[in-house]
Amino acid sequence: MTVKTSLFSKRVVLGALAFAWLILLCVQSDLTLLLKDYGLFTFLGIFGAIFANATGAGGGVVFVPFFNHLNFAPQAIVATSFGIQCCGMTAGAITWYLHATSEHARDPQWQVLGRGLAVVTPAALCGIWLAQYGGNAIPALSLLRGNLDHLHLGFGIFSIVLALAIYGSVALLNRTVTLTALSQADVFWLPVVGFVGGLITAWLSVGVGELVAVYLIIRGFNVTMSIALAVILSAVSVWAAIGFHLSVTQAVVWQVVLFAGAGAVLGGVIAKYLVLAFSPKHLKIFFGTWVLVLGVSGLPVY
């Protein structure tokens, strides 16, 4: 795929998304009141998607604590976060895919992208669907999931552990040689990481992209490729997860998704340029620090 074709494809997709958003906006009954009450969520979507698509982290890292502070119901937090990410992570995934196919089509370090997704995606989806549809039938999963009223506690603990893992991986970014192929061990462990990440993602709307990105970076794969793979995986995962909330919980706050989702599309496109402008080391330090701050803020205060 040439650079010119890549740019044309991206513009067509973004144009279609913008057109669909305008139609949704125009059919709203009281547009002025809607803009007043929910318009500022656009900036939340932009920020969350830039962060998510520039680091491989799902947008839930931003949306979950924000919605928790707004006293959203726990299921509404997860469902609405998934809805926004369906917009932002999709835009980011398309942007990263076009970048990979136009700029790195012959780069050996990027050949892992396709096979890595093929190996990890089925396991991640199985984890998501098992947690969503099998949680009540399997006692062990119900015990792990716990009470959704403690969503913020689970998110805080997970974020702190993730931040520590990211800090630990920073020292590995100075390696001059990066891996260009998955080993047999990777073929075994990536589905394990994806499955566990899928379980966490179903409960917290964040998890699988971060875990896979950290695993690949620690193993020694190209950092930018690892982020691209994590973003594409997260996009597939949130689309797989949103069906449960459309049909079962019906907890999506669509007014928030309408505006935050639009901002997330813009943020998803911008994120790639942030990654390419800064060094992976500085990017990961920022990523780890931000996740740590959000994790600590998610812990209950007694």
Protein backbone atom coordinates (compact mmCIF):
# COMPACT_ATOMS: atom_id res chain seq x y z
CA MET A 1 0.00 0.00 0.00
CA THR A 2 1.48 3.38 -1.02
CA VAL A 3 1.53 6.42 1.22
CA LYS A 4 -0.94 8.21 -1.09
CA THR A 5 -3.36 5.28 -0.99
CA SER A 6 -2.97 5.08 2.79
CA LEU A 7 -3.85 8.75 3.23
CA PHE A 8 -6.85 8.43 0.90
CA SER A 9 -8.15 5.38 2.80
CA LYS A 10 -7.82 7.15 6.15
CA ARG A 11 -9.63 10.24 4.86
CA VAL A 12 -12.49 8.13 3.51
CA VAL A 13 -12.93 6.34 6.83
CA LEU A 14 -12.70 9.52 8.88
CA GLY A 15 -15.10 11.27 6.53
CA ALA A 16 -17.63 8.46 6.93
CA LEU A 17 -17.31 8.60 10.71
CA ALA A 18 -17.77 12.38 10.73
CA PHE A 19 -20.84 12.10 8.50
CA ALA A 20 -22.40 9.43 10.73
CA TRP A 21 -21.73 11.57 13.83
CA LEU A 22 -23.40 14.61 12.26
CA ILE A 23 -26.48 12.56 11.43
CA LEU A 24 -26.71 11.31 15.01
CA LEU A 25 -26.27 14.85 16.29
CA CYS A 26 -28.98 16.27 14.04
CA VAL A 27 -31.63 13.76 15.10
CA GLN A 28 -31.34 14.75 18.77
CA SER A 29 -34.49 16.40 20.15
CA ASP A 30 -32.91 19.25 22.14
CA LEU A 31 -29.49 19.91 20.63
CA THR A 32 -28.77 23.08 22.63
CA LEU A 33 -29.36 21.39 25.99
CA LEU A 34 -27.39 18.35 24.86
CA LEU A 35 -24.40 20.50 23.93
CA LYS A 36 -24.58 22.35 27.23
CA ASP A 37 -24.74 19.20 29.37
CA TYR A 38 -22.41 16.89 27.45
CA GLY A 39 -20.36 18.95 25.01
CA LEU A 40 -17.31 19.13 27.27
CA PHE A 41 -17.02 15.34 27.18
CA THR A 42 -15.51 15.83 23.73
CA PHE A 43 -12.26 16.98 25.36
CA LEU A 44 -12.29 13.95 27.65
CA GLY A 45 -12.54 11.75 24.57
CA ILE A 46 -9.65 13.52 22.85
CA PHE A 47 -7.37 13.25 25.86
CA GLY A 48 -8.31 9.68 26.66
CA ALA A 49 -7.83 8.48 23.10
CA ILE A 50 -4.49 10.25 22.66
CA PHE A 51 -3.24 8.61 25.81
CA ALA A 52 -4.71 5.21 24.92
CA ASN A 53 -3.48 5.05 21.34
CA ALA A 54 -0.06 6.54 22.10
CA THR A 55 0.79 3.97 24.73
CA GLY A 56 -1.18 0.86 23.91
CA ALA A 57 -3.37 1.38 26.98
CA GLY A 58 -7.12 1.21 26.63
CA GLY A 59 -9.03 4.45 27.14
CA GLY A 60 -10.53 2.98 30.29
CA VAL A 61 -7.37 4.08 32.09
CA VAL A 62 -8.74 7.63 31.76
CA PHE A 63 -12.49 7.06 31.55
CA VAL A 64 -13.00 4.71 34.53
CA PRO A 65 -11.66 7.01 37.28
CA PHE A 66 -13.27 10.07 35.66
CA PHE A 67 -16.73 8.47 35.53
CA ASN A 68 -16.24 7.10 39.02
CA HIS A 69 -15.65 10.62 40.34
CA LEU A 70 -18.86 11.67 38.56
CA ASN A 71 -20.66 8.92 40.54
CA PHE A 72 -21.74 6.94 37.50
CA ALA A 73 -23.18 3.52 38.34
CA PRO A 74 -20.48 0.82 38.10
CA GLN A 75 -22.01 -0.92 35.07
CA ALA A 76 -22.51 2.43 33.37
CA ILE A 77 -18.82 3.22 33.90
CA VAL A 78 -17.72 0.05 32.11
CA ALA A 79 -20.38 0.16 29.40
CA THR A 80 -19.83 3.84 28.54
CA SER A 81 -16.07 3.39 28.56
CA PHE A 82 -16.44 0.56 26.04
CA GLY A 83 -18.71 2.72 23.88
CA ILE A 84 -16.18 5.56 23.72
CA GLN A 85 -13.32 3.18 23.04
CA CYS A 86 -15.20 1.65 20.12
CA CYS A 87 -14.76 5.06 18.50
CA GLY A 88 -11.27 6.05 19.64
CA MET A 89 -9.52 2.68 19.53
CA THR A 90 -10.98 1.99 16.08
CA ALA A 91 -9.62 5.28 14.75
CA GLY A 92 -6.26 4.53 16.36
CA ALA A 93 -6.20 0.96 15.04
CA ILE A 94 -6.89 2.12 11.49
CA THR A 95 -4.20 4.79 11.79
CA TRP A 96 -1.62 2.30 13.12
CA TYR A 97 -2.56 -0.34 10.54
CA LEU A 98 -2.13 2.11 7.67
CA HIS A 99 1.18 3.23 9.17
CA ALA A 100 2.38 -0.37 9.40
CA THR A 101 1.37 -1.28 5.86
CA SER A 102 2.67 1.90 4.23
CA GLU A 103 5.79 2.73 6.26
CA HIS A 104 6.94 -0.66 7.57
CA ALA A 105 5.64 -3.19 5.07
CA ARG A 106 9.15 -4.63 4.57
CA ASP A 107 10.55 -3.94 8.04
CA PRO A 108 11.45 -7.26 9.75
CA GLN A 109 10.69 -5.76 13.17
CA TRP A 110 7.09 -5.18 12.12
CA GLN A 111 6.49 -8.64 10.65
CA VAL A 112 5.50 -9.76 14.15
CA LEU A 113 2.39 -7.57 14.03
CA GLY A 114 0.19 -9.87 11.97
CA ARG A 115 1.21 -13.13 13.58
CA GLY A 116 1.09 -11.63 17.06
CA LEU A 117 -2.50 -10.51 16.52
CA ALA A 118 -3.45 -13.93 15.13
CA VAL A 119 -1.99 -15.64 18.19
CA VAL A 120 -3.34 -13.38 20.94
CA THR A 121 -6.72 -12.13 19.66
CA PRO A 122 -8.77 -15.37 19.92
CA ALA A 123 -7.61 -15.92 23.51
CA ALA A 124 -8.42 -12.31 24.46
CA LEU A 125 -11.93 -12.59 23.03
CA CYS A 126 -12.49 -15.88 24.85
CA GLY A 127 -11.49 -14.20 28.11
CA ILE A 128 -13.86 -11.29 27.53
CA TRP A 129 -16.85 -13.43 26.60
CA LEU A 130 -16.24 -15.95 29.37
CA ALA A 131 -16.15 -13.17 31.97
CA GLN A 132 -19.27 -11.51 30.56
CA TYR A 133 -21.52 -14.44 29.75
CA GLY A 134 -20.10 -17.16 31.98
CA GLY A 135 -19.32 -15.19 35.10
CA ASN A 136 -22.56 -16.03 36.92
CA ALA A 137 -22.38 -19.72 35.99
CA ILE A 138 -18.76 -20.24 37.07
CA PRO A 139 -18.23 -19.68 40.83
CA ALA A 140 -14.51 -19.03 40.47
CA LEU A 141 -15.12 -16.18 38.00
CA SER A 142 -17.83 -14.72 40.22
CA LEU A 143 -15.39 -14.72 43.13
CA LEU A 144 -12.68 -13.03 41.06
CA ARG A 145 -15.06 -10.44 39.69
CA GLY A 146 -16.46 -9.58 43.09
CA ASN A 147 -18.98 -6.84 43.60
CA LEU A 148 -19.14 -4.21 40.86
CA ASP A 149 -19.52 -1.60 43.60
CA HIS A 150 -15.79 -2.08 44.18
CA LEU A 151 -14.88 -1.46 40.56
CA HIS A 152 -12.72 1.53 41.48
CA LEU A 153 -10.74 -0.57 43.97
CA GLY A 154 -10.01 -3.26 41.40
CA PHE A 155 -9.03 -0.63 38.85
CA GLY A 156 -6.71 1.09 41.32
CA ILE A 157 -4.88 -2.09 42.27
CA PHE A 158 -4.56 -3.21 38.67
CA SER A 159 -3.23 0.20 37.57
CA ILE A 160 -0.57 0.30 40.30
CA VAL A 161 0.67 -3.19 39.41
CA LEU A 162 0.69 -2.25 35.73
CA ALA A 163 2.63 0.96 36.42
CA LEU A 164 5.32 -0.94 38.34
CA ALA A 165 5.63 -3.40 35.47
CA ILE A 166 6.02 -0.52 33.01
CA TYR A 167 8.73 1.11 35.12
CA GLY A 168 10.51 -2.23 35.22
CA SER A 169 10.42 -2.44 31.43
CA VAL A 170 11.94 1.03 30.88
CA ALA A 171 15.47 -0.24 31.49
CA LEU A 172 14.97 -2.75 28.69
CA LEU A 173 14.34 -0.06 26.08
CA ASN A 174 18.10 0.61 25.69
CA ARG A 175 18.64 -2.70 23.94
CA THR A 176 20.01 -2.18 20.43
CA VAL A 177 18.79 -5.52 19.08
CA THR A 178 15.06 -6.18 18.84
CA LEU A 179 13.33 -9.47 18.14
CA THR A 180 11.80 -10.03 14.73
CA ALA A 181 9.92 -13.30 15.24
CA LEU A 182 7.79 -14.99 17.89
CA SER A 183 9.42 -17.90 19.67
CA GLN A 184 7.58 -21.06 20.72
CA ALA A 185 7.46 -19.63 24.23
CA ASP A 186 5.79 -16.47 22.90
CA VAL A 187 3.22 -18.54 21.03
CA PHE A 188 2.36 -20.18 24.36
CA TRP A 189 2.48 -17.15 26.66
CA LEU A 190 0.81 -14.55 24.44
CA PRO A 191 -2.55 -16.37 24.48
CA VAL A 192 -2.23 -16.75 28.26
CA VAL A 193 -1.58 -13.03 28.67
CA GLY A 194 -4.38 -12.27 26.21
CA PHE A 195 -6.87 -14.51 28.02
CA VAL A 196 -6.11 -13.01 31.44
CA GLY A 197 -6.19 -9.53 29.92
CA GLY A 198 -9.55 -10.32 28.36
CA LEU A 199 -11.00 -11.27 31.75
CA ILE A 200 -9.73 -8.02 33.28
CA THR A 201 -10.95 -5.98 30.32
CA ALA A 202 -14.48 -7.37 30.63
CA TRP A 203 -14.61 -6.26 34.28
CA LEU A 204 -12.68 -2.97 34.12
CA SER A 205 -12.84 -1.96 30.40
CA VAL A 206 -9.03 -1.86 30.46
CA GLY A 207 -6.34 -4.52 30.61
CA VAL A 208 -5.60 -6.62 27.56
CA GLY A 209 -3.79 -3.98 25.47
CA GLU A 210 -1.59 -2.90 28.36
CA LEU A 211 -0.60 -6.42 29.39
CA VAL A 212 0.25 -7.48 25.84
CA ALA A 213 2.24 -4.29 25.17
CA VAL A 214 4.25 -4.69 28.38
CA TYR A 215 4.90 -8.37 27.59
CA LEU A 216 6.18 -7.61 24.09
CA ILE A 217 8.40 -4.76 25.28
CA ILE A 218 9.88 -6.84 28.09
CA ARG A 219 10.55 -9.64 25.61
CA GLY A 220 12.50 -7.24 23.40
CA PHE A 221 10.24 -6.49 20.44
CA ASN A 222 10.13 -3.10 18.73
CA VAL A 223 8.36 -0.67 21.09
CA THR A 224 6.38 1.19 18.44
CA MET A 225 5.25 -2.08 16.87
CA SER A 226 4.23 -3.35 20.32
CA ILE A 227 2.07 -0.26 20.86
CA ALA A 228 0.49 -0.64 17.41
CA LEU A 229 -0.33 -4.30 18.09
CA ALA A 230 -1.82 -3.42 21.49
CA VAL A 231 -3.99 -0.68 19.98
CA ILE A 232 -5.36 -2.93 17.24
CA LEU A 233 -5.98 -5.71 19.77
CA SER A 234 -7.78 -3.27 22.09
CA ALA A 235 -9.98 -2.08 19.22
CA VAL A 236 -11.07 -5.63 18.41
CA SER A 237 -11.59 -6.35 22.11
CA VAL A 238 -13.86 -3.38 22.85
CA TRP A 239 -16.05 -4.18 19.86
CA ALA A 240 -16.33 -7.76 21.10
CA ALA A 241 -17.21 -6.53 24.60
CA ILE A 242 -19.77 -3.85 23.73
CA GLY A 243 -22.36 -6.38 22.56
CA PHE A 244 -22.90 -7.59 26.12
CA HIS A 245 -23.71 -4.07 27.28
CA LEU A 246 -26.00 -3.41 24.33
CA SER A 247 -28.04 -6.55 24.86
CA VAL A 248 -27.74 -7.37 28.58
CA THR A 249 -26.81 -4.45 30.84
CA GLN A 250 -28.04 -1.67 28.51
CA ALA A 251 -26.01 0.68 30.70
CA VAL A 252 -24.29 2.78 28.03
CA VAL A 253 -24.76 6.53 28.58
CA TRP A 254 -25.21 7.41 24.92
CA GLN A 255 -25.12 11.18 25.40
CA VAL A 256 -21.58 10.87 26.75
CA VAL A 257 -20.55 8.48 23.98
CA LEU A 258 -21.89 10.85 21.33
CA PHE A 259 -19.48 13.62 22.31
CA ALA A 260 -16.61 11.77 23.95
CA GLY A 261 -16.64 9.28 21.07
CA ALA A 262 -16.26 12.08 18.55
CA GLY A 263 -13.30 13.46 20.49
CA ALA A 264 -11.85 9.96 20.78
CA VAL A 265 -11.79 9.57 16.99
CA LEU A 266 -9.71 12.75 16.72
CA GLY A 267 -7.44 11.64 19.56
CA GLY A 268 -6.98 8.23 17.98
CA VAL A 269 -5.64 9.82 14.81
CA ILE A 270 -3.33 12.26 16.62
CA ALA A 271 -1.80 9.64 18.93
CA LYS A 272 0.46 8.05 16.32
CA TYR A 273 2.30 11.33 15.78
CA LEU A 274 2.90 11.67 19.52
CA VAL A 275 4.55 8.26 19.60
CA LEU A 276 6.73 9.05 16.61
CA ALA A 277 7.75 12.46 18.02
CA PHE A 278 9.05 11.26 21.40
CA SER A 279 11.48 8.59 22.45
CA PRO A 280 9.97 5.28 23.64
CA LYS A 281 11.75 5.70 26.97
CA HIS A 282 10.18 9.07 27.76
CA LEU A 283 6.83 7.89 26.49
CA LYS A 284 6.85 4.86 28.75
CA ILE A 285 7.95 6.88 31.80
CA PHE A 286 5.04 9.24 31.19
CA PHE A 287 2.72 6.29 30.65
CA GLY A 288 3.81 4.56 33.85
CA THR A 289 3.56 7.75 35.93
CA TRP A 290 0.09 8.57 34.67
CA VAL A 291 -1.20 5.05 35.26
CA LEU A 292 0.29 5.09 38.77
CA VAL A 293 -1.39 8.40 39.62
CA LEU A 294 -4.73 7.16 38.34
CA GLY A 295 -4.32 3.89 40.20
CA VAL A 296 -3.63 5.61 43.51
CA SER A 297 -6.55 7.99 42.95
CA GLY A 298 -8.82 4.99 42.38
CA LEU A 299 -8.11 3.49 45.81
CA PRO A 300 -10.78 4.13 48.45
CA VAL A 301 -10.01 6.62 51.19
CA TYR A 302 -11.06 5.47 54.68
